[in-house]
Amino acid sequence: MWKWLVIVLAVAGAAFALTLSRRSVAETPVPPPLKTPVRNPFPSGIAGAGLVEASSENVVIGVSEPGLVTKLHVKEGQAVKAGEPLFEIDSRSFQAQLIAAKAALVSAEVELARIQAYRRKEEEAPLRAQIAQNEASLEDARRNVVSIEKIVTETEWQTKNDEAKMRRLEVAVKANASPAEDLENIMYAVKLDQAREVTARENVNVAKSKVDIAKAAVDQAQAQLNIFLAGAWGPDVEKAKAAVGEARAKIEQLNVEIERRIIRAPIDGNVMRLNLRLGEYAPAGADLAETAPLVLGDIKTRNVRIDIDEFDVRRYTPGAKAIAFLKGGSDKQIPLEFAHVEPYVIPKRALTNSQRELVDTRVLQVIYKITDAENAAYPGQQLDVYIEAPPESEMPAPPAAPAAK
């Protein structure tokens, strides 16, 4: 009995081992894909990675002067018009300087008005009265000169008359016809007349000097009146005007600095991305949509920026038909309309995670419009794009290299 039991167990073990060996060499069935992969809708075409963007292109809004965000005028998705404020950077220091500059302008304008006015209008009458008074003094001095000159003339005639009498008496005294006392008296009279004549001539000189003084006073009063009527001195007025202009330029400069810190929309569009919060520090120099303070664009119509690998560029014809597919939506085609080609080939930036992708290649970027508004994807969304192109076999062969000499 034990013999037959061992035989049965041996046969069962062999059968089990044979079954396991057959199962181990059998092919594992491949599971079907979760979604049908995208297929090229054209008989022959090239594939490219498409990135949805606004028809105006994505306008990256940055700041020229970094600072704290004090005001936010928009929110994500909001439509704005060109020139409307988007956000404001702290400008309190310039606001304070602006107050001081406006006060300086008022002071400069007051100083200019004072210089231009020069003197009050009511000061003209006293100046004219001073001229009249000095002219009257001049006339009196001139009349005094004439009066004193008459005295000089009378004194001269009196001296001559007494000198003639003295000469006659000298002859008479020598002839003992007249007493000597009469001669002494007339000689004394002559000396007195000569002294009076000298005094009168000196009085004439004094009177003439008074005339010159009176005339100078008239000229001085007239000059003061002329200065009053002429107004302010030209260089003083120009200097005051320059001070006013400088104050106004300072205000304009501060207004420009304040305006620079009010970031406004350059175009009509929508706020597609807002990376700012009230009170945050806005840095300068952000040039990427992911890090920029704000991204603006016209999303009423949208474009697709397609990267064509430099190895496929020679097969691409501008204006060729193109169809896009949403990621994960291979059954839904999005027709595209050619817009333009950006002819400069650039290093590849957008990656598709394909195993065959070469990240050290360059790409030609072509722009197509999304004509179907219902199928418009969100800006920044990636699309699988296929562009109709001739097959590689129909492309002309590249020119042969020249033979070495």
Protein backbone atom coordinates (compact mmCIF):
# COMPACT_ATOMS: atom_id res chain seq x y z
CA MET A 1 0.00 0.00 0.00
CA TRP A 2 2.82 2.43 0.85
CA LYS A 3 4.36 1.69 -2.48
CA TRP A 4 1.25 2.77 -4.45
CA LEU A 5 0.86 5.92 -2.23
CA VAL A 6 4.40 7.04 -3.07
CA ILE A 7 3.75 6.48 -6.80
CA VAL A 8 0.54 8.59 -6.70
CA LEU A 9 2.28 11.48 -4.86
CA ALA A 10 5.18 11.39 -7.35
CA VAL A 11 2.81 11.59 -10.32
CA ALA A 12 0.85 14.47 -8.67
CA GLY A 13 4.07 16.40 -7.97
CA ALA A 14 5.23 16.02 -11.52
CA ALA A 15 1.89 17.24 -12.87
CA PHE A 16 1.98 20.29 -10.54
CA ALA A 17 5.56 21.12 -11.56
CA LEU A 18 4.63 20.90 -15.24
CA THR A 19 1.67 23.27 -14.75
CA LEU A 20 3.83 25.87 -12.92
CA SER A 21 6.49 25.73 -15.63
CA ARG A 22 3.91 26.37 -18.35
CA ARG A 23 2.44 29.34 -16.47
CA SER A 24 5.86 30.94 -15.91
CA VAL A 25 6.68 30.99 -19.65
CA ALA A 26 3.21 32.25 -20.75
CA GLU A 27 3.01 35.91 -22.04
CA THR A 28 1.42 38.48 -19.70
CA PRO A 29 -1.58 40.11 -21.43
CA VAL A 30 -1.08 43.91 -22.01
CA PRO A 31 -3.87 45.93 -20.36
CA PRO A 32 -5.73 48.36 -22.62
CA PRO A 33 -4.82 52.12 -22.20
CA LEU A 34 -7.00 54.17 -19.92
CA LYS A 35 -7.55 56.68 -22.74
CA THR A 36 -7.06 56.45 -26.46
CA PRO A 37 -3.81 58.19 -27.40
CA VAL A 38 -3.89 61.14 -29.75
CA ARG A 39 -3.34 60.21 -33.37
CA ASN A 40 -2.14 62.47 -36.17
CA PRO A 41 -5.31 63.44 -38.10
CA PHE A 42 -3.31 64.13 -41.26
CA PRO A 43 -1.89 61.49 -43.58
CA SER A 44 1.48 63.15 -43.05
CA GLY A 45 2.30 65.85 -40.58
CA ILE A 46 4.52 67.13 -37.83
CA ALA A 47 3.73 67.38 -34.15
CA GLY A 48 4.37 70.32 -31.89
CA ALA A 49 3.72 71.38 -28.35
CA GLY A 50 1.19 74.21 -28.22
CA LEU A 51 0.72 76.74 -25.41
CA VAL A 52 -2.48 78.76 -25.23
CA GLU A 53 -1.99 82.51 -24.79
CA ALA A 54 -4.02 85.67 -25.16
CA SER A 55 -4.41 87.11 -28.64
CA SER A 56 -2.47 90.16 -27.44
CA GLU A 57 0.21 87.77 -26.13
CA ASN A 58 0.81 87.54 -22.42
CA VAL A 59 1.77 90.99 -21.20
CA VAL A 60 3.96 90.56 -18.14
CA ILE A 61 3.46 93.61 -15.92
CA GLY A 62 6.45 94.45 -13.74
CA VAL A 63 7.61 97.39 -11.67
CA SER A 64 10.54 99.67 -12.45
CA GLU A 65 10.93 100.67 -8.82
CA PRO A 66 10.47 97.96 -6.16
CA GLY A 67 8.45 98.72 -3.08
CA LEU A 68 5.47 97.86 -0.90
CA VAL A 69 2.09 97.40 -2.55
CA THR A 70 -0.19 100.02 -1.01
CA LYS A 71 -3.24 99.62 -3.28
CA LEU A 72 -4.73 96.87 -5.45
CA HIS A 73 -7.27 98.07 -7.98
CA VAL A 74 -7.97 94.76 -9.74
CA LYS A 75 -8.53 91.09 -9.10
CA GLU A 76 -7.93 87.97 -11.17
CA GLY A 77 -10.16 87.72 -14.23
CA GLN A 78 -11.21 91.37 -14.11
CA ALA A 79 -11.48 93.22 -17.42
CA VAL A 80 -9.56 96.50 -17.59
CA LYS A 81 -9.16 99.29 -20.11
CA ALA A 82 -5.87 100.75 -21.24
CA GLY A 83 -4.70 103.39 -18.78
CA GLU A 84 -6.66 102.10 -15.79
CA PRO A 85 -4.63 101.64 -12.59
CA LEU A 86 -3.74 98.06 -11.69
CA PHE A 87 -1.84 98.53 -8.42
CA GLU A 88 0.25 101.14 -6.64
CA ILE A 89 3.69 101.05 -5.05
CA ASP A 90 4.47 102.99 -1.87
CA SER A 91 5.14 106.66 -2.77
CA ARG A 92 4.70 108.36 0.61
CA SER A 93 8.19 109.86 0.60
CA PHE A 94 7.49 111.55 -2.74
CA GLN A 95 4.08 112.70 -1.50
CA ALA A 96 5.79 114.44 1.42
CA GLN A 97 8.34 116.04 -0.92
CA LEU A 98 5.48 117.17 -3.16
CA ILE A 99 3.86 119.10 -0.31
CA ALA A 100 7.14 120.92 0.37
CA ALA A 101 7.65 121.59 -3.35
CA LYS A 102 4.18 123.13 -3.69
CA ALA A 103 4.91 125.41 -0.74
CA ALA A 104 8.21 126.41 -2.36
CA LEU A 105 6.35 127.22 -5.58
CA VAL A 106 3.93 129.51 -3.74
CA SER A 107 6.88 131.29 -2.08
CA ALA A 108 8.67 131.73 -5.43
CA GLU A 109 5.51 133.10 -7.08
CA VAL A 110 5.02 135.60 -4.25
CA GLU A 111 8.64 136.72 -4.55
CA LEU A 112 8.24 137.17 -8.31
CA ALA A 113 5.08 139.24 -7.81
CA ARG A 114 6.89 141.38 -5.23
CA ILE A 115 9.83 142.03 -7.55
CA GLN A 116 7.59 142.79 -10.51
CA ALA A 117 5.49 145.20 -8.44
CA TYR A 118 8.73 146.76 -7.09
CA ARG A 119 6.95 149.63 -5.26
CA ARG A 120 3.43 150.50 -4.35
CA LYS A 121 1.52 152.81 -6.72
CA GLU A 122 0.86 155.39 -4.02
CA GLU A 123 4.62 156.07 -3.78
CA GLU A 124 4.55 157.84 -7.15
CA ALA A 125 2.90 161.04 -5.84
CA PRO A 126 5.57 161.74 -3.16
CA LEU A 127 8.30 161.21 -5.76
CA ARG A 128 6.73 163.74 -8.12
CA ALA A 129 6.21 166.16 -5.22
CA GLN A 130 9.90 165.80 -4.33
CA ILE A 131 10.83 166.68 -7.91
CA ALA A 132 8.61 169.77 -7.81
CA GLN A 133 10.09 170.85 -4.49
CA ASN A 134 13.65 170.42 -5.76
CA GLU A 135 12.84 172.31 -8.95
CA ALA A 136 11.48 175.18 -6.85
CA SER A 137 14.64 175.17 -4.76
CA LEU A 138 16.68 175.28 -7.98
CA GLU A 139 14.70 178.26 -9.23
CA ASP A 140 15.21 180.09 -5.93
CA ALA A 141 18.94 179.38 -6.11
CA ARG A 142 19.14 180.74 -9.63
CA ARG A 143 17.23 183.93 -8.62
CA ASN A 144 19.57 184.30 -5.68
CA VAL A 145 22.56 184.14 -8.02
CA VAL A 146 21.07 186.91 -10.18
CA SER A 147 20.39 189.05 -7.11
CA ILE A 148 23.90 188.62 -5.75
CA GLU A 149 25.43 189.33 -9.18
CA LYS A 150 23.52 192.67 -9.17
CA ILE A 151 25.05 193.47 -5.80
CA VAL A 152 28.49 192.67 -7.24
CA THR A 153 27.82 195.04 -10.14
CA GLU A 154 26.65 197.80 -7.81
CA THR A 155 29.68 197.24 -5.58
CA GLU A 156 32.00 197.48 -8.58
CA TRP A 157 30.45 200.76 -9.67
CA GLN A 158 30.62 202.10 -6.15
CA THR A 159 34.29 201.10 -5.91
CA LYS A 160 35.07 202.77 -9.22
CA ASN A 161 33.24 205.94 -8.17
CA ASP A 162 35.08 206.11 -4.84
CA GLU A 163 38.41 205.44 -6.54
CA ALA A 164 37.75 208.38 -8.91
CA LYS A 165 36.94 210.63 -5.95
CA MET A 166 40.13 209.45 -4.21
CA ARG A 167 42.24 210.38 -7.21
CA ARG A 168 40.68 213.86 -7.40
CA LEU A 169 41.17 214.41 -3.68
CA GLU A 170 44.80 213.33 -3.93
CA VAL A 171 45.36 216.11 -6.47
CA ALA A 172 43.41 218.61 -4.38
CA VAL A 173 45.28 217.69 -1.17
CA LYS A 174 48.62 218.10 -2.94
CA ALA A 175 47.42 221.49 -4.11
CA ASN A 176 46.23 222.25 -0.56
CA ALA A 177 42.74 222.69 -2.02
CA SER A 178 41.13 220.06 0.24
CA PRO A 179 41.87 218.90 3.74
CA ALA A 180 43.77 215.60 4.24
CA GLU A 181 40.94 214.18 6.31
CA ASP A 182 38.68 214.03 3.24
CA LEU A 183 41.32 211.97 1.43
CA GLU A 184 41.63 209.57 4.34
CA ASN A 185 37.87 209.14 4.45
CA ILE A 186 37.60 208.36 0.74
CA MET A 187 40.52 205.94 0.94
CA TYR A 188 38.74 204.10 3.76
CA ALA A 189 35.56 204.08 1.66
CA VAL A 190 37.46 202.56 -1.31
CA LYS A 191 38.90 199.76 0.84
CA LEU A 192 35.42 199.10 2.24
CA ASP A 193 34.01 198.98 -1.27
CA GLN A 194 36.72 196.51 -2.37
CA ALA A 195 36.01 194.29 0.63
CA ARG A 196 32.30 194.37 -0.17
CA GLU A 197 33.08 193.49 -3.78
CA VAL A 198 35.15 190.47 -2.73
CA THR A 199 32.41 189.36 -0.37
CA ALA A 200 29.78 189.80 -3.07
CA ARG A 201 31.83 187.71 -5.54
CA GLU A 202 32.22 184.95 -2.94
CA ASN A 203 28.48 185.08 -2.35
CA VAL A 204 27.99 184.64 -6.08
CA ASN A 205 30.14 181.49 -6.03
CA VAL A 206 28.25 180.17 -3.00
CA ALA A 207 24.94 180.87 -4.71
CA LYS A 208 26.09 179.11 -7.90
CA SER A 209 27.16 176.07 -5.85
CA LYS A 210 23.69 176.01 -4.32
CA VAL A 211 22.29 176.05 -7.84
CA ASP A 212 24.41 172.98 -8.70
CA ILE A 213 23.25 171.25 -5.49
CA ALA A 214 19.63 172.04 -6.25
CA LYS A 215 20.04 170.79 -9.84
CA ALA A 216 21.60 167.53 -8.57
CA ALA A 217 18.69 167.10 -6.18
CA VAL A 218 16.26 167.55 -9.07
CA ASP A 219 18.17 164.98 -11.16
CA GLN A 220 18.23 162.52 -8.25
CA ALA A 221 14.49 162.87 -7.64
CA GLN A 222 13.82 162.46 -11.37
CA ALA A 223 16.01 159.35 -11.44
CA GLN A 224 14.10 157.84 -8.53
CA LEU A 225 10.85 158.54 -10.35
CA ASN A 226 12.20 156.98 -13.54
CA ILE A 227 13.26 153.86 -11.61
CA PHE A 228 9.81 153.67 -10.05
CA LEU A 229 8.10 154.02 -13.45
CA ALA A 230 10.47 151.49 -15.07
CA GLY A 231 9.56 148.85 -12.49
CA ALA A 232 11.77 146.00 -11.35
CA TRP A 233 15.27 145.42 -12.65
CA GLY A 234 15.32 142.95 -15.52
CA PRO A 235 17.91 140.52 -14.09
CA ASP A 236 16.03 140.41 -10.77
CA VAL A 237 12.81 139.57 -12.61
CA GLU A 238 14.52 136.86 -14.68
CA LYS A 239 16.09 135.36 -11.56
CA ALA A 240 12.70 135.27 -9.81
CA LYS A 241 11.08 133.71 -12.91
CA ALA A 242 13.82 131.07 -12.99
CA ALA A 243 13.10 130.25 -9.34
CA VAL A 244 9.40 129.81 -10.17
CA GLY A 245 10.28 127.57 -13.12
CA GLU A 246 12.58 125.47 -10.97
CA ALA A 247 9.86 125.02 -8.34
CA ARG A 248 7.36 123.96 -10.99
CA ALA A 249 9.86 121.53 -12.53
CA LYS A 250 10.41 119.99 -9.09
CA ILE A 251 6.67 119.47 -8.70
CA GLU A 252 6.48 117.92 -12.16
CA GLN A 253 9.39 115.62 -11.35
CA LEU A 254 7.73 114.45 -8.14
CA ASN A 255 4.42 113.92 -9.96
CA VAL A 256 6.25 111.76 -12.50
CA GLU A 257 7.88 109.74 -9.72
CA ILE A 258 4.49 109.24 -8.06
CA GLU A 259 2.90 108.32 -11.40
CA ARG A 260 5.68 105.78 -12.03
CA ARG A 261 4.54 103.97 -8.90
CA ILE A 262 0.97 103.73 -10.20
CA ILE A 263 1.10 100.73 -12.53
CA ARG A 264 -1.49 101.12 -15.29
CA ALA A 265 -2.81 98.73 -17.92
CA PRO A 266 -0.98 99.19 -21.24
CA ILE A 267 -3.79 97.54 -23.25
CA ASP A 268 -7.42 96.51 -22.97
CA GLY A 269 -7.58 93.00 -21.55
CA ASN A 270 -8.14 90.77 -18.55
CA VAL A 271 -6.06 90.10 -15.47
CA MET A 272 -4.96 86.52 -16.09
CA ARG A 273 -2.66 86.17 -13.09
CA LEU A 274 -2.14 88.25 -9.98
CA ASN A 275 0.85 87.44 -7.78
CA LEU A 276 0.49 90.41 -5.44
CA ARG A 277 -1.20 90.97 -2.12
CA LEU A 278 -1.75 94.19 -0.28
CA GLY A 279 1.31 95.00 1.84
CA GLU A 280 3.64 92.64 -0.02
CA TYR A 281 6.96 93.75 -1.44
CA ALA A 282 6.92 93.93 -5.24
CA PRO A 283 10.40 93.16 -6.63
CA ALA A 284 11.71 94.61 -9.86
CA GLY A 285 12.94 92.62 -12.82
CA ALA A 286 10.39 89.75 -12.95
CA ASP A 287 10.07 88.71 -16.61
CA LEU A 288 8.26 85.37 -16.40
CA ALA A 289 4.51 84.96 -16.15
CA GLU A 290 4.92 82.58 -13.23
CA THR A 291 6.83 85.10 -11.12
CA ALA A 292 5.65 88.46 -12.47
CA PRO A 293 3.46 90.62 -10.22
CA LEU A 294 0.66 90.62 -12.80
CA VAL A 295 -0.06 89.10 -16.21
CA LEU A 296 -2.45 90.88 -18.54
CA GLY A 297 -3.91 89.83 -21.87
CA ASP A 298 -6.88 90.03 -24.21
CA ILE A 299 -8.57 86.65 -23.79
CA LYS A 300 -11.65 87.39 -25.90
CA THR A 301 -9.75 85.58 -28.61
CA ARG A 302 -6.85 83.23 -27.92
CA ASN A 303 -3.84 82.01 -29.80
CA VAL A 304 -1.73 78.90 -29.64
CA ARG A 305 2.05 79.28 -29.67
CA ILE A 306 3.42 76.10 -31.23
CA ASP A 307 7.00 74.92 -30.86
CA ILE A 308 8.22 73.11 -33.99
CA ASP A 309 11.42 71.17 -33.50
CA GLU A 310 14.30 72.48 -35.59
CA PHE A 311 14.56 69.03 -37.25
CA ASP A 312 11.01 69.44 -38.59
CA VAL A 313 11.27 73.11 -39.59
CA ARG A 314 12.15 72.34 -43.20
CA ARG A 315 8.92 70.35 -43.55
CA TYR A 316 6.77 73.21 -42.26
CA THR A 317 4.99 75.53 -44.70
CA PRO A 318 3.56 78.81 -43.31
CA GLY A 319 -0.22 78.67 -43.46
CA ALA A 320 -0.44 74.89 -43.30
CA LYS A 321 -3.52 73.37 -41.70
CA ALA A 322 -3.28 72.60 -37.99
CA ILE A 323 -5.46 70.80 -35.46
CA ALA A 324 -5.02 70.83 -31.70
CA PHE A 325 -6.13 68.42 -29.00
CA LEU A 326 -6.64 69.06 -25.33
CA LYS A 327 -4.51 67.07 -22.94
CA GLY A 328 -6.58 64.03 -22.00
CA GLY A 329 -9.24 64.88 -24.60
CA SER A 330 -8.09 63.11 -27.74
CA ASP A 331 -11.59 62.77 -29.16
CA LYS A 332 -12.13 66.55 -29.36
CA GLN A 333 -10.42 68.39 -32.16
CA ILE A 334 -9.79 72.15 -32.02
CA PRO A 335 -9.39 73.72 -35.47
CA LEU A 336 -6.71 76.36 -35.75
CA GLU A 337 -6.21 79.26 -38.15
CA PHE A 338 -2.73 80.43 -39.15
CA ALA A 339 -1.69 83.83 -37.81
CA HIS A 340 2.03 84.37 -38.32
CA VAL A 341 5.49 82.91 -37.87
CA GLU A 342 8.10 84.26 -35.50
CA PRO A 343 11.12 83.66 -37.73
CA TYR A 344 13.78 83.59 -35.02
CA VAL A 345 14.57 80.07 -33.82
CA ILE A 346 14.97 80.02 -30.04
CA PRO A 347 16.08 77.47 -27.43
CA LYS A 348 13.33 75.11 -26.40
CA ARG A 349 11.64 76.02 -23.12
CA ALA A 350 8.30 74.22 -22.96
CA LEU A 351 8.69 70.54 -22.13
CA THR A 352 6.12 67.86 -22.94
CA ASN A 353 7.55 65.05 -20.76
CA SER A 354 7.98 62.90 -23.84
CA GLN A 355 10.65 60.20 -23.62
CA ARG A 356 11.85 61.16 -27.10
CA GLU A 357 12.13 64.85 -26.27
CA LEU A 358 15.51 66.51 -26.72
CA VAL A 359 15.85 69.44 -24.36
CA ASP A 360 19.00 70.78 -26.01
CA THR A 361 17.28 71.53 -29.32
CA ARG A 362 15.92 74.78 -30.69
CA VAL A 363 12.40 75.42 -31.92
CA LEU A 364 10.60 77.61 -34.40
CA GLN A 365 7.52 79.26 -32.89
CA VAL A 366 4.42 79.67 -35.05
CA ILE A 367 1.21 81.34 -33.94
CA TYR A 368 -2.26 80.00 -34.75
CA LYS A 369 -5.68 81.33 -33.73
CA ILE A 370 -8.33 79.28 -32.00
CA THR A 371 -11.37 79.84 -34.21
CA ASP A 372 -13.84 77.80 -32.16
CA ALA A 373 -14.76 79.87 -29.11
CA GLU A 374 -16.48 76.90 -27.46
CA ASN A 375 -13.23 74.92 -27.54
CA ALA A 376 -11.04 77.79 -26.35
CA ALA A 377 -8.67 76.55 -23.68
CA TYR A 378 -7.39 78.53 -20.74
CA PRO A 379 -4.28 80.67 -21.25
CA GLY A 380 -1.22 78.71 -20.20
CA GLN A 381 -2.81 75.34 -21.04
CA GLN A 382 -0.77 72.95 -23.17
CA LEU A 383 -2.19 71.41 -26.35
CA ASP A 384 -1.07 68.61 -28.62
CA VAL A 385 -0.87 70.14 -32.08
CA TYR A 386 -0.50 68.43 -35.46
CA ILE A 387 0.36 70.38 -38.59
CA GLU A 388 -0.09 69.05 -42.08
CA ALA A 389 3.28 68.57 -43.81
CA PRO A 390 4.70 66.54 -46.66
CA PRO A 391 6.29 63.20 -45.74
CA GLU A 392 10.02 63.00 -45.26
CA SER A 393 10.39 60.94 -48.44
CA GLU A 394 9.07 63.81 -50.58
CA MET A 395 11.44 66.39 -49.14
CA PRO A 396 14.38 67.33 -51.36
CA ALA A 397 17.70 65.96 -50.31
CA PRO A 398 20.08 68.41 -48.67
CA PRO A 399 22.82 69.70 -50.95
CA ALA A 400 25.95 67.59 -51.04
CA ALA A 401 29.09 68.89 -49.39
CA PRO A 402 31.69 70.22 -51.82
CA ALA A 403 34.43 67.77 -52.64
CA ALA A 404 37.78 68.34 -51.02
CA LYS A 405 40.50 69.57 -53.34
